[in-house]
């Protein structure tokens, strides 16, 4: 994976240059990504991921990488510790929005390179599904979980889960949360003077939620 390569390369360069601040940033991201993966695997067995646990998983698995990249950029430019932490937080918000957007693709109708329903097939509990299950009556929730656990290879069952999520407002809710992270990231940029660098960062934030794949 590109992310794994970047982190590995970052660790090597940090050690070679004896840049221990960068080493700390990158090694923290590596640890968090590993912890997030293990947490997701553990929770997938029981399909009992709550919304809070979901946020923890995507913050560690996805957002930590983007946060590390932003923090490293600030660190190498000679920014203060406060600004490095601010850019780390900025990157984390981008990463959260990016992952939620990716989760929404699982319920789309367009060809995006990611098969529709693949998260359901892999028994991944993403935000649209978690929200829909939270709103459902007990019997309906039990039925949907049964489909995911025992019929996740059945296309008809997968489509039934997708329809359930759409009708339950799961996509609307996830989009609202994604947009909130987007707005928080854009708000953080307002304190910086206008420049090509600021414009590039704003473009990155826009791409996060507008991308088609």
N, C-alpha and C. Protein backbone atom coordinates (compact mmCIF):
# COMPACT_ATOMS: atom_id res chain seq x y z
N UNK A 1 0.83 -1.20 0.00
CA UNK A 1 0.00 0.00 0.00
C UNK A 1 0.88 1.26 0.00
N UNK A 2 0.37 2.32 -0.64
CA UNK A 2 1.12 3.58 -0.69
C UNK A 2 1.37 4.11 0.71
N UNK A 3 0.34 4.03 1.56
CA UNK A 3 0.48 4.53 2.92
C UNK A 3 1.57 3.82 3.69
N UNK A 4 1.63 2.51 3.57
CA UNK A 4 2.67 1.74 4.25
C UNK A 4 4.05 2.14 3.75
N UNK A 5 4.18 2.33 2.44
CA UNK A 5 5.47 2.72 1.86
C UNK A 5 5.92 4.07 2.40
N UNK A 6 4.98 5.04 2.41
CA UNK A 6 5.32 6.38 2.86
C UNK A 6 5.77 6.39 4.32
N UNK A 7 5.07 5.61 5.15
CA UNK A 7 5.44 5.56 6.55
C UNK A 7 6.78 4.88 6.74
N UNK A 8 7.01 3.79 6.01
CA UNK A 8 8.29 3.09 6.12
C UNK A 8 9.43 3.99 5.68
N UNK A 9 9.22 4.68 4.56
CA UNK A 9 10.23 5.60 4.04
C UNK A 9 10.50 6.74 5.03
N UNK A 10 9.40 7.22 5.62
CA UNK A 10 9.53 8.29 6.59
C UNK A 10 10.33 7.87 7.81
N UNK A 11 10.11 6.66 8.27
CA UNK A 11 10.86 6.14 9.41
C UNK A 11 12.35 6.04 9.09
N UNK A 12 12.66 5.52 7.91
CA UNK A 12 14.06 5.37 7.52
C UNK A 12 14.77 6.72 7.43
N UNK A 13 14.11 7.69 6.79
CA UNK A 13 14.72 9.01 6.64
C UNK A 13 14.91 9.69 7.99
N UNK A 14 13.94 9.50 8.89
CA UNK A 14 14.03 10.11 10.20
C UNK A 14 15.22 9.56 10.98
N UNK A 15 15.41 8.24 10.88
CA UNK A 15 16.53 7.60 11.58
C UNK A 15 17.86 8.03 10.97
N UNK A 16 17.92 8.02 9.63
CA UNK A 16 19.17 8.38 8.94
C UNK A 16 19.60 9.81 9.26
N UNK A 17 18.62 10.71 9.35
CA UNK A 17 18.93 12.12 9.60
C UNK A 17 18.92 12.49 11.09
N UNK A 18 18.66 11.47 11.94
CA UNK A 18 18.59 11.69 13.39
C UNK A 18 17.58 12.79 13.73
N UNK A 19 16.49 12.82 12.97
CA UNK A 19 15.43 13.80 13.21
C UNK A 19 14.38 13.14 14.09
N UNK A 20 14.54 13.28 15.39
CA UNK A 20 13.71 12.53 16.32
C UNK A 20 12.29 13.08 16.43
N UNK A 21 12.09 14.35 16.10
CA UNK A 21 10.73 14.89 16.08
C UNK A 21 9.91 14.23 14.97
N UNK A 22 10.53 14.12 13.78
CA UNK A 22 9.85 13.44 12.67
C UNK A 22 9.65 11.96 12.99
N UNK A 23 10.64 11.36 13.62
CA UNK A 23 10.55 9.95 13.98
C UNK A 23 9.36 9.70 14.90
N UNK A 24 9.15 10.60 15.83
CA UNK A 24 8.03 10.46 16.75
C UNK A 24 6.69 10.56 16.02
N UNK A 25 6.60 11.52 15.09
CA UNK A 25 5.36 11.70 14.33
C UNK A 25 5.03 10.44 13.52
N UNK A 26 6.01 9.93 12.80
CA UNK A 26 5.79 8.79 11.92
C UNK A 26 5.56 7.50 12.72
N UNK A 27 6.35 7.29 13.76
CA UNK A 27 6.19 6.07 14.56
C UNK A 27 4.85 6.04 15.27
N UNK A 28 4.35 7.21 15.68
CA UNK A 28 3.03 7.28 16.30
C UNK A 28 1.95 6.86 15.30
N UNK A 29 2.09 7.31 14.06
CA UNK A 29 1.13 6.94 13.01
C UNK A 29 1.16 5.44 12.75
N UNK A 30 2.36 4.86 12.72
CA UNK A 30 2.49 3.42 12.50
C UNK A 30 1.79 2.64 13.61
N UNK A 31 2.01 3.07 14.84
CA UNK A 31 1.39 2.39 15.98
C UNK A 31 -0.14 2.50 15.91
N UNK A 32 -0.63 3.70 15.61
CA UNK A 32 -2.08 3.90 15.58
C UNK A 32 -2.73 3.10 14.46
N UNK A 33 -2.10 3.03 13.30
CA UNK A 33 -2.66 2.26 12.19
C UNK A 33 -2.74 0.78 12.55
N UNK A 34 -1.74 0.27 13.24
CA UNK A 34 -1.75 -1.14 13.66
C UNK A 34 -2.84 -1.38 14.70
N UNK A 35 -2.98 -0.46 15.64
CA UNK A 35 -4.00 -0.60 16.67
C UNK A 35 -5.40 -0.54 16.06
N UNK A 36 -5.58 0.34 15.10
CA UNK A 36 -6.88 0.46 14.44
C UNK A 36 -7.26 -0.79 13.69
N UNK A 37 -6.28 -1.38 13.00
CA UNK A 37 -6.53 -2.62 12.26
C UNK A 37 -6.92 -3.75 13.21
N UNK A 38 -6.22 -3.88 14.31
CA UNK A 38 -6.51 -4.93 15.29
C UNK A 38 -7.88 -4.73 15.92
N UNK A 39 -8.23 -3.48 16.21
CA UNK A 39 -9.54 -3.18 16.79
C UNK A 39 -10.66 -3.54 15.82
N UNK A 40 -10.48 -3.20 14.55
CA UNK A 40 -11.50 -3.53 13.55
C UNK A 40 -11.67 -5.03 13.40
N UNK A 41 -10.58 -5.77 13.40
CA UNK A 41 -10.65 -7.23 13.28
C UNK A 41 -11.39 -7.83 14.48
N UNK A 42 -11.08 -7.33 15.66
CA UNK A 42 -11.71 -7.85 16.87
C UNK A 42 -13.21 -7.57 16.88
N UNK A 43 -13.60 -6.38 16.48
CA UNK A 43 -15.01 -6.00 16.50
C UNK A 43 -15.80 -6.66 15.36
N UNK A 44 -15.13 -6.95 14.25
CA UNK A 44 -15.82 -7.55 13.10
C UNK A 44 -16.37 -8.93 13.44
N UNK A 45 -15.76 -9.61 14.37
CA UNK A 45 -16.23 -10.95 14.74
C UNK A 45 -17.61 -10.92 15.37
N UNK A 46 -17.89 -9.83 16.10
CA UNK A 46 -19.17 -9.74 16.81
C UNK A 46 -20.15 -8.78 16.13
N UNK A 47 -19.68 -8.01 15.18
CA UNK A 47 -20.51 -7.02 14.49
C UNK A 47 -21.18 -6.08 15.49
N UNK A 48 -20.42 -5.65 16.48
CA UNK A 48 -20.97 -4.80 17.52
C UNK A 48 -20.27 -3.44 17.61
N UNK A 49 -19.83 -2.96 16.46
CA UNK A 49 -19.14 -1.67 16.43
C UNK A 49 -20.12 -0.52 16.66
N UNK A 50 -19.86 0.28 17.67
CA UNK A 50 -20.67 1.47 17.92
C UNK A 50 -20.12 2.64 17.10
N UNK A 51 -20.85 3.73 17.09
CA UNK A 51 -20.40 4.89 16.33
C UNK A 51 -19.07 5.42 16.88
N UNK A 52 -18.93 5.45 18.20
CA UNK A 52 -17.68 5.93 18.81
C UNK A 52 -16.50 5.03 18.45
N UNK A 53 -16.72 3.72 18.47
CA UNK A 53 -15.65 2.78 18.11
C UNK A 53 -15.28 2.95 16.64
N UNK A 54 -16.28 3.15 15.80
CA UNK A 54 -16.03 3.39 14.38
C UNK A 54 -15.11 4.59 14.18
N UNK A 55 -15.39 5.69 14.88
CA UNK A 55 -14.55 6.88 14.75
C UNK A 55 -13.12 6.58 15.20
N UNK A 56 -12.99 5.80 16.26
CA UNK A 56 -11.65 5.44 16.74
C UNK A 56 -10.90 4.65 15.67
N UNK A 57 -11.59 3.70 15.04
CA UNK A 57 -10.97 2.86 14.03
C UNK A 57 -10.51 3.68 12.83
N UNK A 58 -11.38 4.54 12.29
CA UNK A 58 -10.98 5.28 11.09
C UNK A 58 -9.97 6.37 11.42
N UNK A 59 -10.02 6.89 12.65
CA UNK A 59 -9.00 7.87 13.04
C UNK A 59 -7.63 7.20 13.06
N UNK A 60 -7.58 5.97 13.57
CA UNK A 60 -6.29 5.28 13.67
C UNK A 60 -5.86 4.70 12.32
N UNK A 61 -6.77 4.09 11.58
CA UNK A 61 -6.40 3.39 10.35
C UNK A 61 -6.14 4.33 9.17
N UNK A 62 -6.94 5.37 9.05
CA UNK A 62 -6.87 6.25 7.88
C UNK A 62 -6.39 7.65 8.22
N UNK A 63 -7.07 8.28 9.18
CA UNK A 63 -6.77 9.68 9.48
C UNK A 63 -5.38 9.88 10.05
N UNK A 64 -4.85 8.88 10.77
CA UNK A 64 -3.52 9.03 11.37
C UNK A 64 -2.44 9.20 10.30
N UNK A 65 -2.62 8.55 9.15
CA UNK A 65 -1.63 8.67 8.07
C UNK A 65 -1.63 10.08 7.49
N UNK A 66 -2.81 10.61 7.18
CA UNK A 66 -2.90 11.95 6.62
C UNK A 66 -2.47 12.99 7.65
N UNK A 67 -2.83 12.75 8.91
CA UNK A 67 -2.41 13.65 9.99
C UNK A 67 -0.90 13.69 10.09
N UNK A 68 -0.26 12.52 9.98
CA UNK A 68 1.20 12.45 10.06
C UNK A 68 1.85 13.19 8.90
N UNK A 69 1.29 13.05 7.70
CA UNK A 69 1.85 13.74 6.52
C UNK A 69 1.78 15.26 6.70
N UNK A 70 0.65 15.74 7.22
CA UNK A 70 0.51 17.19 7.43
C UNK A 70 1.45 17.68 8.53
N UNK A 71 1.59 16.90 9.58
CA UNK A 71 2.48 17.27 10.69
C UNK A 71 3.94 17.27 10.24
N UNK A 72 4.30 16.27 9.44
CA UNK A 72 5.67 16.20 8.93
C UNK A 72 5.97 17.41 8.04
N UNK A 73 5.01 17.79 7.21
CA UNK A 73 5.21 18.96 6.36
C UNK A 73 5.46 20.22 7.17
N UNK A 74 4.68 20.37 8.25
CA UNK A 74 4.86 21.54 9.11
C UNK A 74 6.20 21.48 9.84
N UNK A 75 6.55 20.28 10.32
CA UNK A 75 7.79 20.12 11.06
C UNK A 75 9.01 20.45 10.20
N UNK A 76 9.02 19.96 8.98
CA UNK A 76 10.17 20.18 8.10
C UNK A 76 10.28 21.63 7.63
N UNK A 77 9.20 22.39 7.75
CA UNK A 77 9.24 23.80 7.36
C UNK A 77 9.71 24.70 8.50
N UNK A 78 9.97 24.08 9.66
CA UNK A 78 10.45 24.86 10.79
C UNK A 78 9.34 25.48 11.63
N UNK A 79 8.11 24.96 11.51
CA UNK A 79 6.98 25.50 12.27
C UNK A 79 7.14 25.20 13.76
N UNK A 80 6.44 25.97 14.57
CA UNK A 80 6.47 25.75 16.01
C UNK A 80 5.75 24.46 16.36
N UNK A 81 5.97 23.98 17.57
CA UNK A 81 5.31 22.76 18.03
C UNK A 81 3.79 22.92 17.99
N UNK A 82 3.32 24.12 18.31
CA UNK A 82 1.88 24.39 18.29
C UNK A 82 1.33 24.28 16.87
N UNK A 83 2.06 24.82 15.89
CA UNK A 83 1.60 24.75 14.51
C UNK A 83 1.68 23.33 13.96
N UNK A 84 2.69 22.58 14.37
CA UNK A 84 2.79 21.18 13.95
C UNK A 84 1.59 20.40 14.44
N UNK A 85 1.21 20.63 15.70
CA UNK A 85 0.04 19.94 16.26
C UNK A 85 -1.24 20.39 15.57
N UNK A 86 -1.30 21.65 15.21
CA UNK A 86 -2.48 22.19 14.51
C UNK A 86 -2.63 21.53 13.14
N UNK A 87 -1.53 21.38 12.43
CA UNK A 87 -1.59 20.74 11.12
C UNK A 87 -1.88 19.25 11.23
N UNK A 88 -1.42 18.64 12.32
CA UNK A 88 -1.76 17.23 12.55
C UNK A 88 -3.27 17.09 12.71
N UNK A 89 -3.87 18.00 13.49
CA UNK A 89 -5.32 17.99 13.69
C UNK A 89 -6.06 18.26 12.38
N UNK A 90 -5.52 19.17 11.58
CA UNK A 90 -6.10 19.48 10.27
C UNK A 90 -6.10 18.23 9.40
N UNK A 91 -4.97 17.53 9.36
CA UNK A 91 -4.88 16.31 8.56
C UNK A 91 -5.81 15.22 9.06
N UNK A 92 -5.98 15.16 10.36
CA UNK A 92 -6.88 14.14 10.92
C UNK A 92 -8.32 14.37 10.47
N UNK A 93 -8.74 15.63 10.44
CA UNK A 93 -10.10 15.94 9.99
C UNK A 93 -10.28 15.57 8.52
N UNK A 94 -9.26 15.83 7.71
CA UNK A 94 -9.31 15.43 6.31
C UNK A 94 -9.45 13.92 6.20
N UNK A 95 -8.65 13.21 6.99
CA UNK A 95 -8.67 11.75 6.95
C UNK A 95 -10.01 11.17 7.36
N UNK A 96 -10.64 11.77 8.36
CA UNK A 96 -11.97 11.29 8.80
C UNK A 96 -12.99 11.48 7.68
N UNK A 97 -12.98 12.66 7.06
CA UNK A 97 -13.90 12.92 5.96
C UNK A 97 -13.62 11.99 4.78
N UNK A 98 -12.34 11.76 4.50
CA UNK A 98 -11.93 10.90 3.39
C UNK A 98 -12.48 9.49 3.58
N UNK A 99 -12.35 8.94 4.78
CA UNK A 99 -12.80 7.57 5.02
C UNK A 99 -14.32 7.45 4.96
N UNK A 100 -15.02 8.43 5.49
CA UNK A 100 -16.48 8.39 5.44
C UNK A 100 -16.95 8.45 3.98
N UNK A 101 -16.28 9.28 3.18
CA UNK A 101 -16.61 9.34 1.75
C UNK A 101 -16.40 7.98 1.11
N UNK A 102 -15.31 7.32 1.47
CA UNK A 102 -15.02 5.99 0.94
C UNK A 102 -16.11 5.00 1.35
N UNK A 103 -16.59 5.11 2.57
CA UNK A 103 -17.64 4.22 3.05
C UNK A 103 -18.95 4.45 2.29
N UNK A 104 -19.21 5.70 1.93
CA UNK A 104 -20.42 6.02 1.18
C UNK A 104 -20.42 5.39 -0.20
N UNK A 105 -19.23 5.22 -0.78
CA UNK A 105 -19.13 4.59 -2.11
C UNK A 105 -19.72 3.19 -2.11
N UNK A 106 -19.72 2.53 -0.96
CA UNK A 106 -20.22 1.16 -0.88
C UNK A 106 -21.71 1.07 -1.21
N UNK A 107 -22.39 2.20 -1.14
CA UNK A 107 -23.84 2.22 -1.37
C UNK A 107 -24.21 2.99 -2.62
N UNK A 108 -23.20 3.33 -3.45
CA UNK A 108 -23.46 4.11 -4.65
C UNK A 108 -23.85 3.28 -5.84
N UNK A 109 -24.16 3.98 -6.92
CA UNK A 109 -24.58 3.33 -8.16
C UNK A 109 -23.57 3.49 -9.28
N UNK A 110 -22.53 4.31 -9.04
CA UNK A 110 -21.54 4.58 -10.09
C UNK A 110 -20.39 3.59 -10.05
N UNK A 111 -19.74 3.42 -11.20
CA UNK A 111 -18.55 2.59 -11.27
C UNK A 111 -17.37 3.42 -10.75
N UNK A 112 -16.80 3.04 -9.63
CA UNK A 112 -15.76 3.84 -9.00
C UNK A 112 -14.48 3.06 -8.77
N UNK A 113 -14.44 1.81 -9.23
CA UNK A 113 -13.26 1.01 -8.99
C UNK A 113 -13.38 0.17 -7.74
N UNK A 114 -14.33 0.50 -6.89
CA UNK A 114 -14.61 -0.27 -5.68
C UNK A 114 -15.98 -0.90 -5.83
N UNK A 115 -16.09 -2.23 -5.84
CA UNK A 115 -17.39 -2.89 -6.04
C UNK A 115 -18.40 -2.45 -4.99
N UNK A 116 -19.61 -2.15 -5.42
CA UNK A 116 -20.67 -1.78 -4.49
C UNK A 116 -20.96 -2.97 -3.57
N UNK A 117 -21.07 -2.69 -2.28
CA UNK A 117 -21.38 -3.74 -1.31
C UNK A 117 -20.18 -4.51 -0.80
N UNK A 118 -18.96 -4.09 -1.19
CA UNK A 118 -17.77 -4.85 -0.79
C UNK A 118 -17.56 -4.79 0.72
N UNK A 119 -17.89 -3.66 1.35
CA UNK A 119 -17.72 -3.57 2.81
C UNK A 119 -18.67 -4.53 3.53
N UNK A 120 -19.89 -4.65 3.01
CA UNK A 120 -20.85 -5.58 3.59
C UNK A 120 -20.37 -7.01 3.40
N UNK A 121 -19.86 -7.29 2.23
CA UNK A 121 -19.34 -8.64 1.95
C UNK A 121 -18.20 -8.99 2.89
N UNK A 122 -17.39 -8.00 3.23
CA UNK A 122 -16.25 -8.22 4.12
C UNK A 122 -16.61 -8.01 5.59
N UNK A 123 -17.91 -7.82 5.86
CA UNK A 123 -18.42 -7.65 7.23
C UNK A 123 -17.83 -6.44 7.94
N UNK A 124 -17.63 -5.36 7.18
CA UNK A 124 -17.13 -4.13 7.77
C UNK A 124 -18.30 -3.25 8.17
N UNK A 125 -18.32 -2.86 9.42
CA UNK A 125 -19.40 -2.01 9.92
C UNK A 125 -18.98 -0.55 9.73
N UNK A 126 -19.57 0.09 8.74
CA UNK A 126 -19.24 1.48 8.45
C UNK A 126 -20.36 2.40 8.95
N UNK A 127 -20.11 3.70 8.93
CA UNK A 127 -21.03 4.65 9.54
C UNK A 127 -22.46 4.58 8.99
N UNK A 128 -22.69 4.50 7.67
CA UNK A 128 -24.07 4.43 7.20
C UNK A 128 -24.83 3.23 7.79
N UNK A 129 -24.17 2.09 7.86
CA UNK A 129 -24.80 0.88 8.41
C UNK A 129 -24.99 0.98 9.91
N UNK A 130 -23.99 1.49 10.61
CA UNK A 130 -24.09 1.62 12.07
C UNK A 130 -25.26 2.50 12.44
N UNK A 131 -25.40 3.64 11.75
CA UNK A 131 -26.51 4.55 12.04
C UNK A 131 -27.85 3.88 11.75
N UNK A 132 -27.95 3.21 10.59
CA UNK A 132 -29.20 2.56 10.22
C UNK A 132 -29.62 1.51 11.25
N UNK A 133 -28.66 0.75 11.73
CA UNK A 133 -28.96 -0.28 12.75
C UNK A 133 -29.40 0.36 14.06
N UNK A 134 -28.82 1.50 14.39
CA UNK A 134 -29.20 2.21 15.61
C UNK A 134 -30.66 2.66 15.58
N UNK A 135 -31.15 2.98 14.38
CA UNK A 135 -32.52 3.48 14.24
C UNK A 135 -33.55 2.36 14.10
N UNK A 136 -33.10 1.16 13.80
CA UNK A 136 -34.02 0.06 13.47
C UNK A 136 -34.62 -0.61 14.70
N UNK A 137 -35.84 -1.11 14.58
CA UNK A 137 -36.43 -1.92 15.65
C UNK A 137 -35.58 -3.17 15.86
N UNK A 138 -35.70 -3.77 17.03
CA UNK A 138 -34.85 -4.89 17.40
C UNK A 138 -34.91 -6.03 16.39
N UNK A 139 -36.11 -6.41 15.95
CA UNK A 139 -36.25 -7.55 15.04
C UNK A 139 -35.60 -7.26 13.69
N UNK A 140 -35.78 -6.06 13.20
CA UNK A 140 -35.18 -5.71 11.91
C UNK A 140 -33.66 -5.66 12.03
N UNK A 141 -33.19 -5.12 13.14
CA UNK A 141 -31.73 -5.08 13.36
C UNK A 141 -31.15 -6.49 13.40
N UNK A 142 -31.85 -7.39 14.09
CA UNK A 142 -31.40 -8.78 14.19
C UNK A 142 -31.35 -9.44 12.81
N UNK A 143 -32.35 -9.14 11.97
CA UNK A 143 -32.41 -9.72 10.63
C UNK A 143 -31.23 -9.23 9.78
N UNK A 144 -30.96 -7.92 9.82
CA UNK A 144 -29.88 -7.36 9.01
C UNK A 144 -28.53 -7.91 9.44
N UNK A 145 -28.31 -8.01 10.74
CA UNK A 145 -27.05 -8.57 11.24
C UNK A 145 -26.90 -10.03 10.81
N UNK A 146 -28.01 -10.76 10.80
CA UNK A 146 -27.98 -12.16 10.34
C UNK A 146 -27.56 -12.23 8.86
N UNK A 147 -28.09 -11.33 8.05
CA UNK A 147 -27.73 -11.31 6.63
C UNK A 147 -26.24 -11.03 6.44
N UNK A 148 -25.72 -10.09 7.21
CA UNK A 148 -24.31 -9.74 7.09
C UNK A 148 -23.42 -10.88 7.57
N UNK A 149 -23.84 -11.52 8.64
CA UNK A 149 -23.01 -12.56 9.24
C UNK A 149 -23.03 -13.86 8.44
N UNK A 150 -24.20 -14.23 7.90
CA UNK A 150 -24.35 -15.55 7.30
C UNK A 150 -24.60 -15.55 5.79
N UNK A 151 -24.99 -14.40 5.23
CA UNK A 151 -25.30 -14.38 3.79
C UNK A 151 -24.55 -13.25 3.08
N UNK A 152 -23.38 -12.94 3.59
CA UNK A 152 -22.61 -11.82 3.04
C UNK A 152 -22.02 -12.09 1.65
N UNK A 153 -22.14 -13.34 1.18
CA UNK A 153 -21.69 -13.67 -0.18
C UNK A 153 -22.86 -13.67 -1.16
N UNK A 154 -24.06 -13.50 -0.65
CA UNK A 154 -25.29 -13.55 -1.46
C UNK A 154 -25.61 -12.14 -1.96
N UNK A 155 -25.60 -11.95 -3.27
CA UNK A 155 -25.82 -10.63 -3.84
C UNK A 155 -27.20 -10.08 -3.46
N UNK A 156 -28.20 -10.95 -3.44
CA UNK A 156 -29.55 -10.51 -3.09
C UNK A 156 -29.58 -9.99 -1.64
N UNK A 157 -28.91 -10.70 -0.75
CA UNK A 157 -28.86 -10.28 0.65
C UNK A 157 -28.11 -8.97 0.80
N UNK A 158 -27.02 -8.81 0.06
CA UNK A 158 -26.25 -7.57 0.11
C UNK A 158 -27.10 -6.39 -0.35
N UNK A 159 -27.86 -6.60 -1.43
CA UNK A 159 -28.74 -5.54 -1.93
C UNK A 159 -29.82 -5.20 -0.91
N UNK A 160 -30.27 -6.20 -0.17
CA UNK A 160 -31.29 -5.96 0.86
C UNK A 160 -30.71 -5.09 1.98
N UNK A 161 -29.46 -5.35 2.34
CA UNK A 161 -28.81 -4.53 3.36
C UNK A 161 -28.62 -3.10 2.86
N UNK A 162 -28.21 -2.97 1.60
CA UNK A 162 -28.01 -1.64 1.01
C UNK A 162 -29.32 -0.86 1.01
N UNK A 163 -30.41 -1.49 0.60
CA UNK A 163 -31.72 -0.83 0.60
C UNK A 163 -32.13 -0.42 2.01
N UNK A 164 -31.86 -1.28 2.97
CA UNK A 164 -32.18 -0.99 4.37
C UNK A 164 -31.44 0.26 4.84
N UNK A 165 -30.17 0.35 4.52
CA UNK A 165 -29.37 1.50 4.94
C UNK A 165 -29.88 2.78 4.29
N UNK A 166 -30.20 2.72 3.01
CA UNK A 166 -30.70 3.90 2.30
C UNK A 166 -32.03 4.37 2.88
N UNK A 167 -32.95 3.44 3.13
CA UNK A 167 -34.27 3.80 3.64
C UNK A 167 -34.21 4.30 5.08
N UNK A 168 -33.17 3.89 5.81
CA UNK A 168 -33.05 4.27 7.22
C UNK A 168 -32.32 5.60 7.43
N UNK A 169 -31.91 6.23 6.34
CA UNK A 169 -31.24 7.52 6.45
C UNK A 169 -29.76 7.42 6.75
N UNK A 170 -29.18 6.24 6.57
CA UNK A 170 -27.77 6.05 6.86
C UNK A 170 -26.85 6.89 5.99
N UNK A 171 -27.20 7.02 4.70
CA UNK A 171 -26.35 7.79 3.79
C UNK A 171 -26.44 9.28 4.10
N UNK A 172 -27.63 9.74 4.41
CA UNK A 172 -27.81 11.15 4.76
C UNK A 172 -27.02 11.50 6.01
N UNK A 173 -27.11 10.64 7.01
CA UNK A 173 -26.41 10.91 8.27
C UNK A 173 -24.89 10.92 8.07
N UNK A 174 -24.38 9.91 7.36
CA UNK A 174 -22.94 9.82 7.13
C UNK A 174 -22.44 11.03 6.34
N UNK A 175 -23.24 11.48 5.39
CA UNK A 175 -22.86 12.66 4.60
C UNK A 175 -22.79 13.90 5.48
N UNK A 176 -23.72 14.02 6.41
CA UNK A 176 -23.72 15.16 7.34
C UNK A 176 -22.46 15.15 8.20
N UNK A 177 -22.09 13.99 8.69
CA UNK A 177 -20.89 13.88 9.53
C UNK A 177 -19.65 14.20 8.70
N UNK A 178 -19.58 13.67 7.48
CA UNK A 178 -18.47 13.94 6.59
C UNK A 178 -18.34 15.44 6.35
N UNK A 179 -19.45 16.10 6.07
CA UNK A 179 -19.43 17.53 5.81
C UNK A 179 -19.00 18.32 7.05
N UNK A 180 -19.31 17.81 8.23
CA UNK A 180 -18.89 18.49 9.45
C UNK A 180 -17.36 18.47 9.58
N UNK A 181 -16.75 17.32 9.30
CA UNK A 181 -15.30 17.26 9.34
C UNK A 181 -14.68 18.17 8.28
N UNK A 182 -15.33 18.21 7.12
CA UNK A 182 -14.87 19.09 6.03
C UNK A 182 -14.89 20.55 6.48
N UNK A 183 -16.00 20.96 7.07
CA UNK A 183 -16.14 22.35 7.49
C UNK A 183 -15.15 22.70 8.60
N UNK A 184 -14.89 21.75 9.50
CA UNK A 184 -13.92 22.00 10.57
C UNK A 184 -12.52 22.17 10.00
N UNK A 185 -12.19 21.36 9.00
CA UNK A 185 -10.87 21.48 8.37
C UNK A 185 -10.74 22.82 7.65
N UNK A 186 -11.77 23.22 6.91
CA UNK A 186 -11.72 24.49 6.20
C UNK A 186 -11.64 25.67 7.17
N UNK A 187 -12.32 25.56 8.30
CA UNK A 187 -12.30 26.61 9.30
C UNK A 187 -10.88 26.82 9.84
N UNK A 188 -10.13 25.73 9.97
CA UNK A 188 -8.76 25.82 10.48
C UNK A 188 -7.85 26.58 9.52
N UNK A 189 -8.19 26.59 8.24
CA UNK A 189 -7.36 27.28 7.25
C UNK A 189 -7.57 28.79 7.25
N UNK A 190 -8.68 29.23 7.82
CA UNK A 190 -9.02 30.66 7.76
C UNK A 190 -8.00 31.55 8.46
N UNK A 191 -7.30 30.99 9.44
CA UNK A 191 -6.35 31.81 10.19
C UNK A 191 -5.04 32.05 9.44
N UNK A 192 -4.86 31.35 8.31
CA UNK A 192 -3.62 31.50 7.54
C UNK A 192 -3.80 32.53 6.42
N UNK A 193 -2.76 33.29 6.11
CA UNK A 193 -2.86 34.29 5.03
C UNK A 193 -3.03 33.61 3.67
N UNK A 194 -3.61 34.34 2.74
CA UNK A 194 -3.82 33.79 1.41
C UNK A 194 -2.47 33.51 0.74
N UNK A 195 -2.37 32.35 0.13
CA UNK A 195 -1.14 31.97 -0.56
C UNK A 195 -1.44 30.76 -1.43
N UNK A 196 -0.50 30.41 -2.28
CA UNK A 196 -0.68 29.21 -3.11
C UNK A 196 -0.71 27.96 -2.25
N UNK A 197 -0.01 27.99 -1.12
CA UNK A 197 0.03 26.83 -0.23
C UNK A 197 -1.34 26.62 0.44
N UNK A 198 -1.91 27.73 0.88
CA UNK A 198 -3.23 27.65 1.50
C UNK A 198 -4.26 27.17 0.47
N UNK A 199 -4.15 27.67 -0.75
CA UNK A 199 -5.07 27.26 -1.81
C UNK A 199 -4.94 25.77 -2.10
N UNK A 200 -3.71 25.26 -2.06
CA UNK A 200 -3.49 23.84 -2.30
C UNK A 200 -4.13 22.99 -1.20
N UNK A 201 -3.99 23.44 0.04
CA UNK A 201 -4.59 22.71 1.16
C UNK A 201 -6.12 22.74 1.07
N UNK A 202 -6.66 23.89 0.70
CA UNK A 202 -8.11 24.00 0.54
C UNK A 202 -8.59 23.07 -0.58
N UNK A 203 -7.79 22.98 -1.64
CA UNK A 203 -8.13 22.08 -2.75
C UNK A 203 -8.11 20.63 -2.31
N UNK A 204 -7.19 20.29 -1.42
CA UNK A 204 -7.13 18.93 -0.89
C UNK A 204 -8.39 18.61 -0.10
N UNK A 205 -8.82 19.55 0.72
CA UNK A 205 -10.03 19.35 1.52
C UNK A 205 -11.25 19.19 0.61
N UNK A 206 -11.34 20.03 -0.42
CA UNK A 206 -12.46 19.93 -1.37
C UNK A 206 -12.46 18.58 -2.08
N UNK A 207 -11.29 18.15 -2.50
CA UNK A 207 -11.19 16.86 -3.20
C UNK A 207 -11.67 15.72 -2.32
N UNK A 208 -11.40 15.81 -1.04
CA UNK A 208 -11.74 14.74 -0.11
C UNK A 208 -13.21 14.34 -0.19
N UNK A 209 -14.09 15.33 -0.30
CA UNK A 209 -15.52 15.01 -0.29
C UNK A 209 -16.16 15.05 -1.68
N UNK A 210 -15.43 15.59 -2.67
CA UNK A 210 -16.02 15.70 -4.01
C UNK A 210 -15.54 14.59 -4.96
N UNK A 211 -14.52 13.84 -4.53
CA UNK A 211 -13.95 12.81 -5.41
C UNK A 211 -14.99 11.78 -5.81
N UNK A 212 -14.77 11.19 -6.97
CA UNK A 212 -15.71 10.21 -7.52
C UNK A 212 -15.22 8.77 -7.35
N UNK A 213 -14.00 8.63 -6.84
CA UNK A 213 -13.47 7.28 -6.60
C UNK A 213 -12.33 7.34 -5.60
